[in-house]
Amino acid sequence: MNASITPQVSVVIPLYQGEQHIRGALESVAAQDLAPWEVIVVDDGSRDNGPAIARSVVAPFPITVVPRTNGGQGAARNTGFERASGDFVALLDQDDRWYPDHLRRLLAALEPADDAVAWVLSDFDEVDAEGRVRQPAVVASRGEVFPKDLDAAISQSVFALPSSSLFRRDAILAVGGFDERLRGYEDDDLFVRLLMAGKRHRYLPVATTAYHVHGENTSTSTVFLTSREIYARKLFAGFADDPRRAEAVRRRFRATSYHDYFTALAQGRRTRAREVAASLRAIERGRRVPMGDRFLRALLRSTRLTTLVLRMSRRLPRWLSPHWPSGFALHT
């Protein structure tokens, strides 16, 4: 049992088909050297034994399992925020783990009475299914810079892990929580809206969380592409009167889409490549696109033609080769 419990922190864990993981997640919360006041496990329509396992875990704090119809992680987290009684809410995904000093370190960074600091986040380690560290201190290893300003947050991925974040509950509720339409980009969307509301964040350059990397990749799903389109349109609408930032958003999703397209093409997944190209056209529909980009968009409609042009270009002198987007040659 923990010697110290803080009434300030509620923990929210979305649960969906997580019977293999939820006990470990809860035990990592119970092992904190500063325990939370409560844990709210939001059962997002699970059909396995995960909810029963969560109820069976013994901890020095109450564990409440809240059932709801399946709505995705964002919707589950919102349910947890609404049910939480603490001033601060810490998020933990069902398959991630906290190191014992996680809550103590993050709470100490938020305790000063500065309401403009709405959340704090830390670095994290990437681990495999057996819990072995594959990449220590991922944020530092990627050269990510925190805290981020609004320009950085809209022009690239925020790269903030929810499981390594602690929020002021009132700040989250004030901006409407997670956008429940998104099943991808929901984290970036929330952080951007907090920044747009004038809120700030702090960063701890120490890994306090073990982030579990799955074999599957949700960023390859059609649902994820739909979320990308919704998020991009939200950003365009938010910066309708700011052409510089709107163009930064367009460039970001152009680069991301090119990367995904060429990666899919290299893997022989032509249907996926066509889906990515269609998603990019949807994102840029109604927006001014430079002539060179318009030509490339037209080319990408045909995966066979794109492959043929690339093969031909490799036989040309370097100075005559088409100017492909960054990463093209690496992924084909």
C-alpha atoms as a PDB file:
ATOM      1  CA  MET A   1       0.000   0.000   0.000  1.00  0.00           C
ATOM      2  CA  ASN A   2       1.098   3.555  -0.664  1.00  0.00           C
ATOM      3  CA  ALA A   3       1.991   5.769   2.265  1.00  0.00           C
ATOM      4  CA  SER A   4       0.573   8.895   0.624  1.00  0.00           C
ATOM      5  CA  ILE A   5      -2.672   9.506  -1.263  1.00  0.00           C
ATOM      6  CA  THR A   6      -3.567  12.806  -2.925  1.00  0.00           C
ATOM      7  CA  PRO A   7      -7.224  13.860  -3.159  1.00  0.00           C
ATOM      8  CA  GLN A   8      -6.298  16.109  -6.089  1.00  0.00           C
ATOM      9  CA  VAL A   9      -5.799  13.501  -8.809  1.00  0.00           C
ATOM     10  CA  SER A  10      -8.287  11.281 -10.618  1.00  0.00           C
ATOM     11  CA  VAL A  11      -7.037   8.703 -13.117  1.00  0.00           C
ATOM     12  CA  VAL A  12      -9.034   7.904 -16.266  1.00  0.00           C
ATOM     13  CA  ILE A  13      -8.395   4.671 -18.195  1.00  0.00           C
ATOM     14  CA  PRO A  14     -10.398   3.916 -21.362  1.00  0.00           C
ATOM     15  CA  LEU A  15     -10.997   0.164 -21.675  1.00  0.00           C
ATOM     16  CA  TYR A  16     -11.918  -1.739 -24.810  1.00  0.00           C
ATOM     17  CA  GLN A  17     -11.166  -5.427 -25.317  1.00  0.00           C
ATOM     18  CA  GLY A  18      -8.280  -5.007 -22.922  1.00  0.00           C
ATOM     19  CA  GLU A  19      -8.404  -8.103 -20.745  1.00  0.00           C
ATOM     20  CA  GLN A  20      -4.736  -8.856 -21.469  1.00  0.00           C
ATOM     21  CA  HIS A  21      -3.559  -5.422 -20.347  1.00  0.00           C
ATOM     22  CA  ILE A  22      -5.838  -3.766 -17.812  1.00  0.00           C
ATOM     23  CA  ARG A  23      -4.507  -5.508 -14.701  1.00  0.00           C
ATOM     24  CA  GLY A  24      -0.962  -4.384 -15.454  1.00  0.00           C
ATOM     25  CA  ALA A  25      -2.100  -0.805 -16.058  1.00  0.00           C
ATOM     26  CA  LEU A  26      -3.991  -0.691 -12.757  1.00  0.00           C
ATOM     27  CA  GLU A  27      -1.152  -2.295 -10.842  1.00  0.00           C
ATOM     28  CA  SER A  28       1.198   0.386 -12.151  1.00  0.00           C
ATOM     29  CA  VAL A  29      -1.182   2.997 -10.718  1.00  0.00           C
ATOM     30  CA  ALA A  30      -1.343   1.152  -7.398  1.00  0.00           C
ATOM     31  CA  ALA A  31       2.469   1.133  -7.285  1.00  0.00           C
ATOM     32  CA  GLN A  32       2.731   4.941  -7.416  1.00  0.00           C
ATOM     33  CA  ASP A  33       4.692   6.528  -4.576  1.00  0.00           C
ATOM     34  CA  LEU A  34       1.957   9.181  -4.567  1.00  0.00           C
ATOM     35  CA  ALA A  35      -1.343   7.424  -5.137  1.00  0.00           C
ATOM     36  CA  PRO A  36      -4.390   9.050  -6.768  1.00  0.00           C
ATOM     37  CA  TRP A  37      -7.710   9.681  -5.100  1.00  0.00           C
ATOM     38  CA  GLU A  38      -9.605   7.453  -7.505  1.00  0.00           C
ATOM     39  CA  VAL A  39      -9.374   5.520 -10.757  1.00  0.00           C
ATOM     40  CA  ILE A  40     -12.205   5.602 -13.277  1.00  0.00           C
ATOM     41  CA  VAL A  41     -12.092   2.794 -15.818  1.00  0.00           C
ATOM     42  CA  VAL A  42     -14.436   3.631 -18.697  1.00  0.00           C
ATOM     43  CA  ASP A  43     -15.637   0.413 -20.311  1.00  0.00           C
ATOM     44  CA  ASP A  44     -16.120   1.479 -23.927  1.00  0.00           C
ATOM     45  CA  GLY A  45     -18.370  -1.417 -24.925  1.00  0.00           C
ATOM     46  CA  SER A  46     -15.955  -4.269 -24.159  1.00  0.00           C
ATOM     47  CA  ARG A  47     -17.077  -7.797 -24.916  1.00  0.00           C
ATOM     48  CA  ASP A  48     -14.280  -9.573 -23.029  1.00  0.00           C
ATOM     49  CA  ASN A  49     -13.415  -9.993 -19.335  1.00  0.00           C
ATOM     50  CA  GLY A  50     -11.576  -6.677 -19.044  1.00  0.00           C
ATOM     51  CA  PRO A  51     -14.233  -4.926 -16.908  1.00  0.00           C
ATOM     52  CA  ALA A  52     -14.426  -7.874 -14.480  1.00  0.00           C
ATOM     53  CA  ILE A  53     -10.640  -7.958 -14.175  1.00  0.00           C
ATOM     54  CA  ALA A  54     -10.580  -4.224 -13.447  1.00  0.00           C
ATOM     55  CA  ARG A  55     -13.117  -4.684 -10.635  1.00  0.00           C
ATOM     56  CA  SER A  56     -11.016  -7.473  -9.104  1.00  0.00           C
ATOM     57  CA  VAL A  57      -7.833  -5.410  -8.692  1.00  0.00           C
ATOM     58  CA  VAL A  58      -7.075  -4.496  -5.074  1.00  0.00           C
ATOM     59  CA  ALA A  59      -5.717  -0.962  -4.646  1.00  0.00           C
ATOM     60  CA  PRO A  60      -5.460   1.723  -1.941  1.00  0.00           C
ATOM     61  CA  PHE A  61      -8.037   3.810  -3.820  1.00  0.00           C
ATOM     62  CA  PRO A  62     -11.473   3.113  -5.298  1.00  0.00           C
ATOM     63  CA  ILE A  63     -11.615   1.690  -8.822  1.00  0.00           C
ATOM     64  CA  THR A  64     -14.909   2.506 -10.532  1.00  0.00           C
ATOM     65  CA  VAL A  65     -15.843   0.821 -13.803  1.00  0.00           C
ATOM     66  CA  VAL A  66     -18.206   2.988 -15.848  1.00  0.00           C
ATOM     67  CA  PRO A  67     -19.910   1.220 -18.780  1.00  0.00           C
ATOM     68  CA  ARG A  68     -20.861   3.041 -21.975  1.00  0.00           C
ATOM     69  CA  THR A  69     -21.613   2.204 -25.597  1.00  0.00           C
ATOM     70  CA  ASN A  70     -18.562   2.112 -27.833  1.00  0.00           C
ATOM     71  CA  GLY A  71     -17.541   5.575 -28.961  1.00  0.00           C
ATOM     72  CA  GLY A  72     -13.764   5.460 -29.179  1.00  0.00           C
ATOM     73  CA  GLN A  73     -11.008   6.640 -26.865  1.00  0.00           C
ATOM     74  CA  GLY A  74     -11.955  10.307 -27.038  1.00  0.00           C
ATOM     75  CA  ALA A  75     -15.535   9.650 -25.995  1.00  0.00           C
ATOM     76  CA  ALA A  76     -14.391   7.302 -23.214  1.00  0.00           C
ATOM     77  CA  ARG A  77     -11.952   9.882 -21.880  1.00  0.00           C
ATOM     78  CA  ASN A  78     -14.675  12.530 -21.906  1.00  0.00           C
ATOM     79  CA  THR A  79     -16.885  10.251 -19.825  1.00  0.00           C
ATOM     80  CA  GLY A  80     -14.017   9.889 -17.375  1.00  0.00           C
ATOM     81  CA  PHE A  81     -13.445  13.639 -17.191  1.00  0.00           C
ATOM     82  CA  GLU A  82     -17.119  14.175 -16.416  1.00  0.00           C
ATOM     83  CA  ARG A  83     -17.140  11.547 -13.650  1.00  0.00           C
ATOM     84  CA  ALA A  84     -13.841  12.593 -12.086  1.00  0.00           C
ATOM     85  CA  SER A  85     -13.883  14.410  -8.733  1.00  0.00           C
ATOM     86  CA  GLY A  86     -10.220  15.487  -8.642  1.00  0.00           C
ATOM     87  CA  ASP A  87      -8.893  18.895  -9.634  1.00  0.00           C
ATOM     88  CA  PHE A  88      -6.431  17.125 -11.922  1.00  0.00           C
ATOM     89  CA  VAL A  89      -6.970  14.191 -14.269  1.00  0.00           C
ATOM     90  CA  ALA A  90      -4.221  11.818 -15.384  1.00  0.00           C
ATOM     91  CA  LEU A  91      -4.816   9.697 -18.469  1.00  0.00           C
ATOM     92  CA  LEU A  92      -3.539   6.158 -18.888  1.00  0.00           C
ATOM     93  CA  ASP A  93      -4.230   3.863 -21.834  1.00  0.00           C
ATOM     94  CA  GLN A  94      -5.079   0.275 -20.957  1.00  0.00           C
ATOM     95  CA  ASP A  95      -1.853  -1.165 -22.370  1.00  0.00           C
ATOM     96  CA  ASP A  96       0.579   1.455 -21.048  1.00  0.00           C
ATOM     97  CA  ARG A  97       2.300   1.522 -17.661  1.00  0.00           C
ATOM     98  CA  TRP A  98       3.480   4.235 -15.285  1.00  0.00           C
ATOM     99  CA  TYR A  99       6.783   4.174 -13.450  1.00  0.00           C
ATOM    100  CA  PRO A 100       6.342   4.602  -9.660  1.00  0.00           C
ATOM    101  CA  ASP A 101       7.245   8.309  -9.615  1.00  0.00           C
ATOM    102  CA  HIS A 102       4.953   9.335 -12.482  1.00  0.00           C
ATOM    103  CA  LEU A 103       2.157  11.082 -10.572  1.00  0.00           C
ATOM    104  CA  ARG A 104       4.451  12.675  -8.015  1.00  0.00           C
ATOM    105  CA  ARG A 105       6.642  14.264 -10.666  1.00  0.00           C
ATOM    106  CA  LEU A 106       3.778  15.518 -12.828  1.00  0.00           C
ATOM    107  CA  LEU A 107       1.703  16.853  -9.944  1.00  0.00           C
ATOM    108  CA  ALA A 108       4.684  18.788  -8.587  1.00  0.00           C
ATOM    109  CA  ALA A 109       4.958  20.565 -11.952  1.00  0.00           C
ATOM    110  CA  LEU A 110       1.295  21.664 -11.788  1.00  0.00           C
ATOM    111  CA  GLU A 111       0.965  22.578  -8.115  1.00  0.00           C
ATOM    112  CA  PRO A 112       2.025  26.248  -8.491  1.00  0.00           C
ATOM    113  CA  ALA A 113      -1.080  28.421  -8.557  1.00  0.00           C
ATOM    114  CA  ASP A 114      -0.867  29.336 -12.227  1.00  0.00           C
ATOM    115  CA  ASP A 115      -4.145  28.413 -13.871  1.00  0.00           C
ATOM    116  CA  ALA A 116      -2.771  29.260 -17.313  1.00  0.00           C
ATOM    117  CA  VAL A 117      -0.626  26.113 -17.070  1.00  0.00           C
ATOM    118  CA  ALA A 118      -3.316  23.615 -17.981  1.00  0.00           C
ATOM    119  CA  TRP A 119      -1.301  20.448 -18.356  1.00  0.00           C
ATOM    120  CA  VAL A 120       2.084  18.848 -17.915  1.00  0.00           C
ATOM    121  CA  LEU A 121       3.629  15.993 -19.849  1.00  0.00           C
ATOM    122  CA  SER A 122       6.801  13.932 -19.645  1.00  0.00           C
ATOM    123  CA  ASP A 123       9.015  11.833 -21.877  1.00  0.00           C
ATOM    124  CA  PHE A 124       8.279   8.114 -22.265  1.00  0.00           C
ATOM    125  CA  ASP A 125       9.952   4.823 -23.136  1.00  0.00           C
ATOM    126  CA  GLU A 126       8.725   2.641 -25.980  1.00  0.00           C
ATOM    127  CA  VAL A 127       8.350  -1.003 -24.915  1.00  0.00           C
ATOM    128  CA  ASP A 128       7.395  -4.254 -26.633  1.00  0.00           C
ATOM    129  CA  ALA A 129       4.745  -6.789 -25.649  1.00  0.00           C
ATOM    130  CA  GLU A 130       7.046  -8.280 -22.981  1.00  0.00           C
ATOM    131  CA  GLY A 131       7.770  -4.876 -21.465  1.00  0.00           C
ATOM    132  CA  ARG A 132      11.316  -4.675 -22.825  1.00  0.00           C
ATOM    133  CA  VAL A 133      12.417  -1.161 -23.690  1.00  0.00           C
ATOM    134  CA  ARG A 134      12.821  -0.794 -27.461  1.00  0.00           C
ATOM    135  CA  GLN A 135      13.489   2.939 -27.452  1.00  0.00           C
ATOM    136  CA  PRO A 136      14.266   4.874 -24.256  1.00  0.00           C
ATOM    137  CA  ALA A 137      13.251   8.522 -23.899  1.00  0.00           C
ATOM    138  CA  VAL A 138      11.392   8.673 -27.211  1.00  0.00           C
ATOM    139  CA  VAL A 139      10.756  12.429 -27.134  1.00  0.00           C
ATOM    140  CA  ALA A 140      14.428  13.209 -26.568  1.00  0.00           C
ATOM    141  CA  SER A 141      15.591  10.650 -29.126  1.00  0.00           C
ATOM    142  CA  ARG A 142      13.416  12.274 -31.807  1.00  0.00           C
ATOM    143  CA  GLY A 143      14.705  15.727 -30.996  1.00  0.00           C
ATOM    144  CA  GLU A 144      11.234  17.020 -30.153  1.00  0.00           C
ATOM    145  CA  VAL A 145      11.191  20.434 -28.494  1.00  0.00           C
ATOM    146  CA  PHE A 146       8.799  21.282 -25.652  1.00  0.00           C
ATOM    147  CA  PRO A 147       6.954  23.311 -24.680  1.00  0.00           C
ATOM    148  CA  LYS A 148       5.412  23.874 -28.105  1.00  0.00           C
ATOM    149  CA  ASP A 149       3.758  27.049 -29.310  1.00  0.00           C
ATOM    150  CA  LEU A 150       0.691  27.141 -31.544  1.00  0.00           C
ATOM    151  CA  ASP A 151       2.679  27.383 -34.782  1.00  0.00           C
ATOM    152  CA  ALA A 152       4.645  24.239 -33.942  1.00  0.00           C
ATOM    153  CA  ALA A 153       1.506  22.390 -32.851  1.00  0.00           C
ATOM    154  CA  ILE A 154      -0.370  22.974 -36.115  1.00  0.00           C
ATOM    155  CA  SER A 155       2.528  22.490 -38.523  1.00  0.00           C
ATOM    156  CA  GLN A 156       3.564  19.083 -37.167  1.00  0.00           C
ATOM    157  CA  SER A 157       2.383  16.368 -34.840  1.00  0.00           C
ATOM    158  CA  VAL A 158       2.321  17.585 -31.241  1.00  0.00           C
ATOM    159  CA  PHE A 159       3.862  14.236 -30.241  1.00  0.00           C
ATOM    160  CA  ALA A 160       2.423  14.374 -26.734  1.00  0.00           C
ATOM    161  CA  LEU A 161       1.480  11.003 -25.259  1.00  0.00           C
ATOM    162  CA  PRO A 162      -1.824  11.068 -23.312  1.00  0.00           C
ATOM    163  CA  SER A 163      -0.540   8.402 -20.916  1.00  0.00           C
ATOM    164  CA  SER A 164       2.314  10.698 -19.887  1.00  0.00           C
ATOM    165  CA  SER A 165       0.047  13.742 -19.364  1.00  0.00           C
ATOM    166  CA  LEU A 166      -1.712  15.312 -16.373  1.00  0.00           C
ATOM    167  CA  PHE A 167      -4.449  17.917 -16.938  1.00  0.00           C
ATOM    168  CA  ARG A 168      -6.372  20.505 -14.974  1.00  0.00           C
ATOM    169  CA  ARG A 169      -9.888  19.113 -15.188  1.00  0.00           C
ATOM    170  CA  ASP A 170     -11.583  22.515 -15.453  1.00  0.00           C
ATOM    171  CA  ALA A 171      -9.353  23.518 -18.393  1.00  0.00           C
ATOM    172  CA  ILE A 172     -10.291  20.375 -20.309  1.00  0.00           C
ATOM    173  CA  LEU A 173     -14.004  20.849 -19.676  1.00  0.00           C
ATOM    174  CA  ALA A 174     -13.753  24.519 -20.689  1.00  0.00           C
ATOM    175  CA  VAL A 175     -12.581  23.601 -24.210  1.00  0.00           C
ATOM    176  CA  GLY A 176     -15.109  20.788 -24.585  1.00  0.00           C
ATOM    177  CA  GLY A 177     -12.860  17.795 -23.991  1.00  0.00           C
ATOM    178  CA  PHE A 178     -11.935  15.466 -26.839  1.00  0.00           C
ATOM    179  CA  ASP A 179     -13.679  15.712 -30.198  1.00  0.00           C
ATOM    180  CA  GLU A 180     -15.647  12.468 -30.251  1.00  0.00           C
ATOM    181  CA  ARG A 181     -15.757  12.397 -34.040  1.00  0.00           C
ATOM    182  CA  LEU A 182     -12.028  11.712 -34.143  1.00  0.00           C
ATOM    183  CA  ARG A 183     -10.435   8.290 -33.838  1.00  0.00           C
ATOM    184  CA  GLY A 184      -7.014   9.565 -34.719  1.00  0.00           C
ATOM    185  CA  TYR A 185      -5.629  13.076 -34.194  1.00  0.00           C
ATOM    186  CA  GLU A 186      -7.881  13.555 -31.165  1.00  0.00           C
ATOM    187  CA  ASP A 187      -4.858  14.206 -28.958  1.00  0.00           C
ATOM    188  CA  ASP A 188      -3.384  16.823 -31.292  1.00  0.00           C
ATOM    189  CA  ASP A 189      -6.794  18.450 -31.632  1.00  0.00           C
ATOM    190  CA  LEU A 190      -7.200  18.814 -27.866  1.00  0.00           C
ATOM    191  CA  PHE A 191      -3.714  20.221 -27.342  1.00  0.00           C
ATOM    192  CA  VAL A 192      -4.193  22.756 -30.153  1.00  0.00           C
ATOM    193  CA  ARG A 193      -7.515  23.921 -28.714  1.00  0.00           C
ATOM    194  CA  LEU A 194      -5.918  24.367 -25.304  1.00  0.00           C
ATOM    195  CA  LEU A 195      -3.186  26.490 -26.879  1.00  0.00           C
ATOM    196  CA  MET A 196      -5.756  28.510 -28.803  1.00  0.00           C
ATOM    197  CA  ALA A 197      -7.562  29.137 -25.513  1.00  0.00           C
ATOM    198  CA  GLY A 198      -4.387  30.711 -24.140  1.00  0.00           C
ATOM    199  CA  LYS A 199      -3.389  27.750 -21.970  1.00  0.00           C
ATOM    200  CA  ARG A 200       0.209  26.663 -21.524  1.00  0.00           C
ATOM    201  CA  HIS A 201       1.947  23.417 -20.678  1.00  0.00           C
ATOM    202  CA  ARG A 202       5.114  22.250 -18.969  1.00  0.00           C
ATOM    203  CA  TYR A 203       7.394  19.428 -20.000  1.00  0.00           C
ATOM    204  CA  LEU A 204       9.472  17.078 -17.844  1.00  0.00           C
ATOM    205  CA  PRO A 205      12.505  15.698 -19.725  1.00  0.00           C
ATOM    206  CA  VAL A 206      12.384  12.376 -17.917  1.00  0.00           C
ATOM    207  CA  ALA A 207      10.593   9.171 -18.949  1.00  0.00           C
ATOM    208  CA  THR A 208       7.812   8.359 -16.468  1.00  0.00           C
ATOM    209  CA  THR A 209       5.720   6.110 -18.717  1.00  0.00           C
ATOM    210  CA  ALA A 210       6.174   2.864 -20.631  1.00  0.00           C
ATOM    211  CA  TYR A 211       4.347   3.132 -23.966  1.00  0.00           C
ATOM    212  CA  HIS A 212       3.359  -0.224 -25.432  1.00  0.00           C
ATOM    213  CA  VAL A 213       3.779  -0.474 -29.208  1.00  0.00           C
ATOM    214  CA  HIS A 214       1.418  -2.899 -30.924  1.00  0.00           C
ATOM    215  CA  GLY A 215       2.096  -4.866 -34.062  1.00  0.00           C
ATOM    216  CA  GLU A 216      -0.968  -3.330 -35.689  1.00  0.00           C
ATOM    217  CA  ASN A 217      -0.971   0.288 -36.805  1.00  0.00           C
ATOM    218  CA  THR A 218      -4.251   2.196 -36.551  1.00  0.00           C
ATOM    219  CA  SER A 219      -2.849   4.958 -38.754  1.00  0.00           C
ATOM    220  CA  THR A 220      -3.343   2.612 -41.728  1.00  0.00           C
ATOM    221  CA  SER A 221      -7.119   2.423 -41.268  1.00  0.00           C
ATOM    222  CA  THR A 222      -9.808   4.174 -43.284  1.00  0.00           C
ATOM    223  CA  VAL A 223     -11.232   5.516 -40.018  1.00  0.00           C
ATOM    224  CA  PHE A 224      -7.914   7.215 -39.343  1.00  0.00           C
ATOM    225  CA  LEU A 225      -7.968   8.901 -42.764  1.00  0.00           C
ATOM    226  CA  THR A 226     -11.480  10.165 -42.055  1.00  0.00           C
ATOM    227  CA  SER A 227     -10.233  11.637 -38.781  1.00  0.00           C
ATOM    228  CA  ARG A 228      -7.360  13.269 -40.647  1.00  0.00           C
ATOM    229  CA  GLU A 229      -9.816  14.983 -42.976  1.00  0.00           C
ATOM    230  CA  ILE A 230     -12.017  16.183 -40.098  1.00  0.00           C
ATOM    231  CA  TYR A 231      -9.053  17.511 -38.147  1.00  0.00           C
ATOM    232  CA  ALA A 232      -7.547  19.275 -41.155  1.00  0.00           C
ATOM    233  CA  ARG A 233     -10.878  20.974 -41.906  1.00  0.00           C
ATOM    234  CA  LYS A 234     -11.137  22.074 -38.277  1.00  0.00           C
ATOM    235  CA  LEU A 235      -7.725  23.687 -38.496  1.00  0.00           C
ATOM    236  CA  PHE A 236      -8.553  25.400 -41.788  1.00  0.00           C
ATOM    237  CA  ALA A 237     -11.746  26.782 -40.249  1.00  0.00           C
ATOM    238  CA  GLY A 238      -9.916  27.920 -37.142  1.00  0.00           C
ATOM    239  CA  PHE A 239      -7.359  29.843 -39.200  1.00  0.00           C
ATOM    240  CA  ALA A 240      -9.644  31.085 -41.963  1.00  0.00           C
ATOM    241  CA  ASP A 241      -8.410  34.630 -41.333  1.00  0.00           C
ATOM    242  CA  ASP A 242      -4.759  33.628 -41.004  1.00  0.00           C
ATOM    243  CA  PRO A 243      -3.386  32.610 -44.438  1.00  0.00           C
ATOM    244  CA  ARG A 244       0.097  31.895 -43.085  1.00  0.00           C
ATOM    245  CA  ARG A 245      -1.122  29.328 -40.577  1.00  0.00           C
ATOM    246  CA  ALA A 246      -3.651  27.866 -43.005  1.00  0.00           C
ATOM    247  CA  GLU A 247      -0.828  27.260 -45.487  1.00  0.00           C
ATOM    248  CA  ALA A 248       1.267  25.646 -42.744  1.00  0.00           C
ATOM    249  CA  VAL A 249      -1.629  23.246 -42.110  1.00  0.00           C
ATOM    250  CA  ARG A 250      -1.903  22.442 -45.828  1.00  0.00           C
ATOM    251  CA  ARG A 251       1.819  21.745 -46.086  1.00  0.00           C
ATOM    252  CA  ARG A 252       1.699  19.483 -43.056  1.00  0.00           C
ATOM    253  CA  PHE A 253      -1.041  17.243 -44.389  1.00  0.00           C
ATOM    254  CA  ARG A 254       0.422  17.267 -47.884  1.00  0.00           C
ATOM    255  CA  ALA A 255       3.726  15.932 -46.522  1.00  0.00           C
ATOM    256  CA  THR A 256       1.995  13.361 -44.309  1.00  0.00           C
ATOM    257  CA  SER A 257      -0.191  12.160 -47.179  1.00  0.00           C
ATOM    258  CA  TYR A 258       2.759  11.874 -49.573  1.00  0.00           C
ATOM    259  CA  HIS A 259       4.641   9.798 -47.011  1.00  0.00           C
ATOM    260  CA  ASP A 260       1.669   7.478 -46.480  1.00  0.00           C
ATOM    261  CA  TYR A 261       1.010   7.186 -50.218  1.00  0.00           C
ATOM    262  CA  PHE A 262       4.552   6.251 -51.160  1.00  0.00           C
ATOM    263  CA  THR A 263       4.880   3.863 -48.218  1.00  0.00           C
ATOM    264  CA  ALA A 264       1.708   2.047 -49.280  1.00  0.00           C
ATOM    265  CA  LEU A 265       2.950   1.927 -52.871  1.00  0.00           C
ATOM    266  CA  ALA A 266       6.268   0.435 -51.756  1.00  0.00           C
ATOM    267  CA  GLN A 267       4.367  -2.248 -49.857  1.00  0.00           C
ATOM    268  CA  GLY A 268       2.317  -3.117 -52.918  1.00  0.00           C
ATOM    269  CA  ARG A 269      -0.870  -1.813 -51.278  1.00  0.00           C
ATOM    270  CA  ARG A 270      -2.279   0.062 -54.253  1.00  0.00           C
ATOM    271  CA  THR A 271      -5.798   0.313 -52.845  1.00  0.00           C
ATOM    272  CA  ARG A 272      -4.423   1.929 -49.722  1.00  0.00           C
ATOM    273  CA  ALA A 273      -2.361   4.364 -51.795  1.00  0.00           C
ATOM    274  CA  ARG A 274      -5.462   5.390 -53.725  1.00  0.00           C
ATOM    275  CA  GLU A 275      -7.352   5.931 -50.453  1.00  0.00           C
ATOM    276  CA  VAL A 276      -4.605   8.228 -49.199  1.00  0.00           C
ATOM    277  CA  ALA A 277      -4.622  10.192 -52.462  1.00  0.00           C
ATOM    278  CA  ALA A 278      -8.410  10.579 -52.257  1.00  0.00           C
ATOM    279  CA  SER A 279      -8.094  11.755 -48.658  1.00  0.00           C
ATOM    280  CA  LEU A 280      -5.576  14.415 -49.663  1.00  0.00           C
ATOM    281  CA  ARG A 281      -7.894  15.650 -52.415  1.00  0.00           C
ATOM    282  CA  ALA A 282     -10.703  15.887 -49.851  1.00  0.00           C
ATOM    283  CA  ILE A 283      -8.501  17.848 -47.446  1.00  0.00           C
ATOM    284  CA  GLU A 284      -7.508  20.356 -50.139  1.00  0.00           C
ATOM    285  CA  ARG A 285     -10.889  20.612 -51.854  1.00  0.00           C
ATOM    286  CA  GLY A 286     -11.795  24.253 -52.267  1.00  0.00           C
ATOM    287  CA  ARG A 287      -8.329  25.466 -51.369  1.00  0.00           C
ATOM    288  CA  ARG A 288      -5.764  27.091 -53.631  1.00  0.00           C
ATOM    289  CA  VAL A 289      -3.109  24.530 -54.582  1.00  0.00           C
ATOM    290  CA  PRO A 290       0.105  25.463 -56.482  1.00  0.00           C
ATOM    291  CA  MET A 291       0.282  24.246 -60.092  1.00  0.00           C
ATOM    292  CA  GLY A 292       3.114  21.820 -59.351  1.00  0.00           C
ATOM    293  CA  ASP A 293       1.106  20.207 -56.573  1.00  0.00           C
ATOM    294  CA  ARG A 294      -1.955  19.971 -58.811  1.00  0.00           C
ATOM    295  CA  PHE A 295       0.070  18.076 -61.401  1.00  0.00           C
ATOM    296  CA  LEU A 296       1.353  15.673 -58.767  1.00  0.00           C
ATOM    297  CA  ARG A 297      -2.181  15.145 -57.376  1.00  0.00           C
ATOM    298  CA  ALA A 298      -3.344  14.170 -60.845  1.00  0.00           C
ATOM    299  CA  LEU A 299      -0.426  11.779 -61.207  1.00  0.00           C
ATOM    300  CA  LEU A 300      -1.162  10.122 -57.857  1.00  0.00           C
ATOM    301  CA  ARG A 301      -4.642   9.136 -59.025  1.00  0.00           C
ATOM    302  CA  SER A 302      -2.956   6.287 -60.921  1.00  0.00           C
ATOM    303  CA  THR A 303      -0.672   4.159 -58.812  1.00  0.00           C
ATOM    304  CA  ARG A 304       0.585   2.332 -61.903  1.00  0.00           C
ATOM    305  CA  LEU A 305       1.445   5.567 -63.680  1.00  0.00           C
ATOM    306  CA  THR A 306       3.195   6.925 -60.583  1.00  0.00           C
ATOM    307  CA  THR A 307       5.334   3.790 -60.366  1.00  0.00           C
ATOM    308  CA  LEU A 308       6.149   3.948 -64.073  1.00  0.00           C
ATOM    309  CA  VAL A 309       7.174   7.613 -63.923  1.00  0.00           C
ATOM    310  CA  LEU A 310       9.415   6.914 -60.936  1.00  0.00           C
ATOM    311  CA  ARG A 311      11.148   4.045 -62.710  1.00  0.00           C
ATOM    312  CA  MET A 312      11.708   6.207 -65.783  1.00  0.00           C
ATOM    313  CA  SER A 313      13.006   9.102 -63.705  1.00  0.00           C
ATOM    314  CA  ARG A 314      15.719   6.915 -62.209  1.00  0.00           C
ATOM    315  CA  ARG A 315      17.235   6.522 -65.671  1.00  0.00           C
ATOM    316  CA  LEU A 316      17.491  10.279 -66.162  1.00  0.00           C
ATOM    317  CA  PRO A 317      20.380  12.512 -65.117  1.00  0.00           C
ATOM    318  CA  ARG A 318      19.801  13.758 -61.590  1.00  0.00           C
ATOM    319  CA  TRP A 319      19.209  17.329 -62.728  1.00  0.00           C
ATOM    320  CA  LEU A 320      16.426  16.165 -65.092  1.00  0.00           C
ATOM    321  CA  SER A 321      14.654  13.936 -62.566  1.00  0.00           C
ATOM    322  CA  PRO A 322      11.274  15.099 -61.243  1.00  0.00           C
ATOM    323  CA  HIS A 323      11.369  16.809 -57.866  1.00  0.00           C
ATOM    324  CA  TRP A 324       9.589  14.209 -55.758  1.00  0.00           C
ATOM    325  CA  PRO A 325       8.450  14.994 -52.235  1.00  0.00           C
ATOM    326  CA  SER A 326      10.910  14.231 -49.455  1.00  0.00           C
ATOM    327  CA  GLY A 327      11.089  10.508 -48.738  1.00  0.00           C
ATOM    328  CA  PHE A 328       9.778   9.302 -52.118  1.00  0.00           C
ATOM    329  CA  ALA A 329      12.885   7.376 -53.108  1.00  0.00           C
ATOM    330  CA  LEU A 330      13.129   5.851 -49.645  1.00  0.00           C
ATOM    331  CA  HIS A 331       9.657   4.330 -49.792  1.00  0.00           C
ATOM    332  CA  THR A 332       9.404   2.976 -53.326  1.00  0.00           C
END
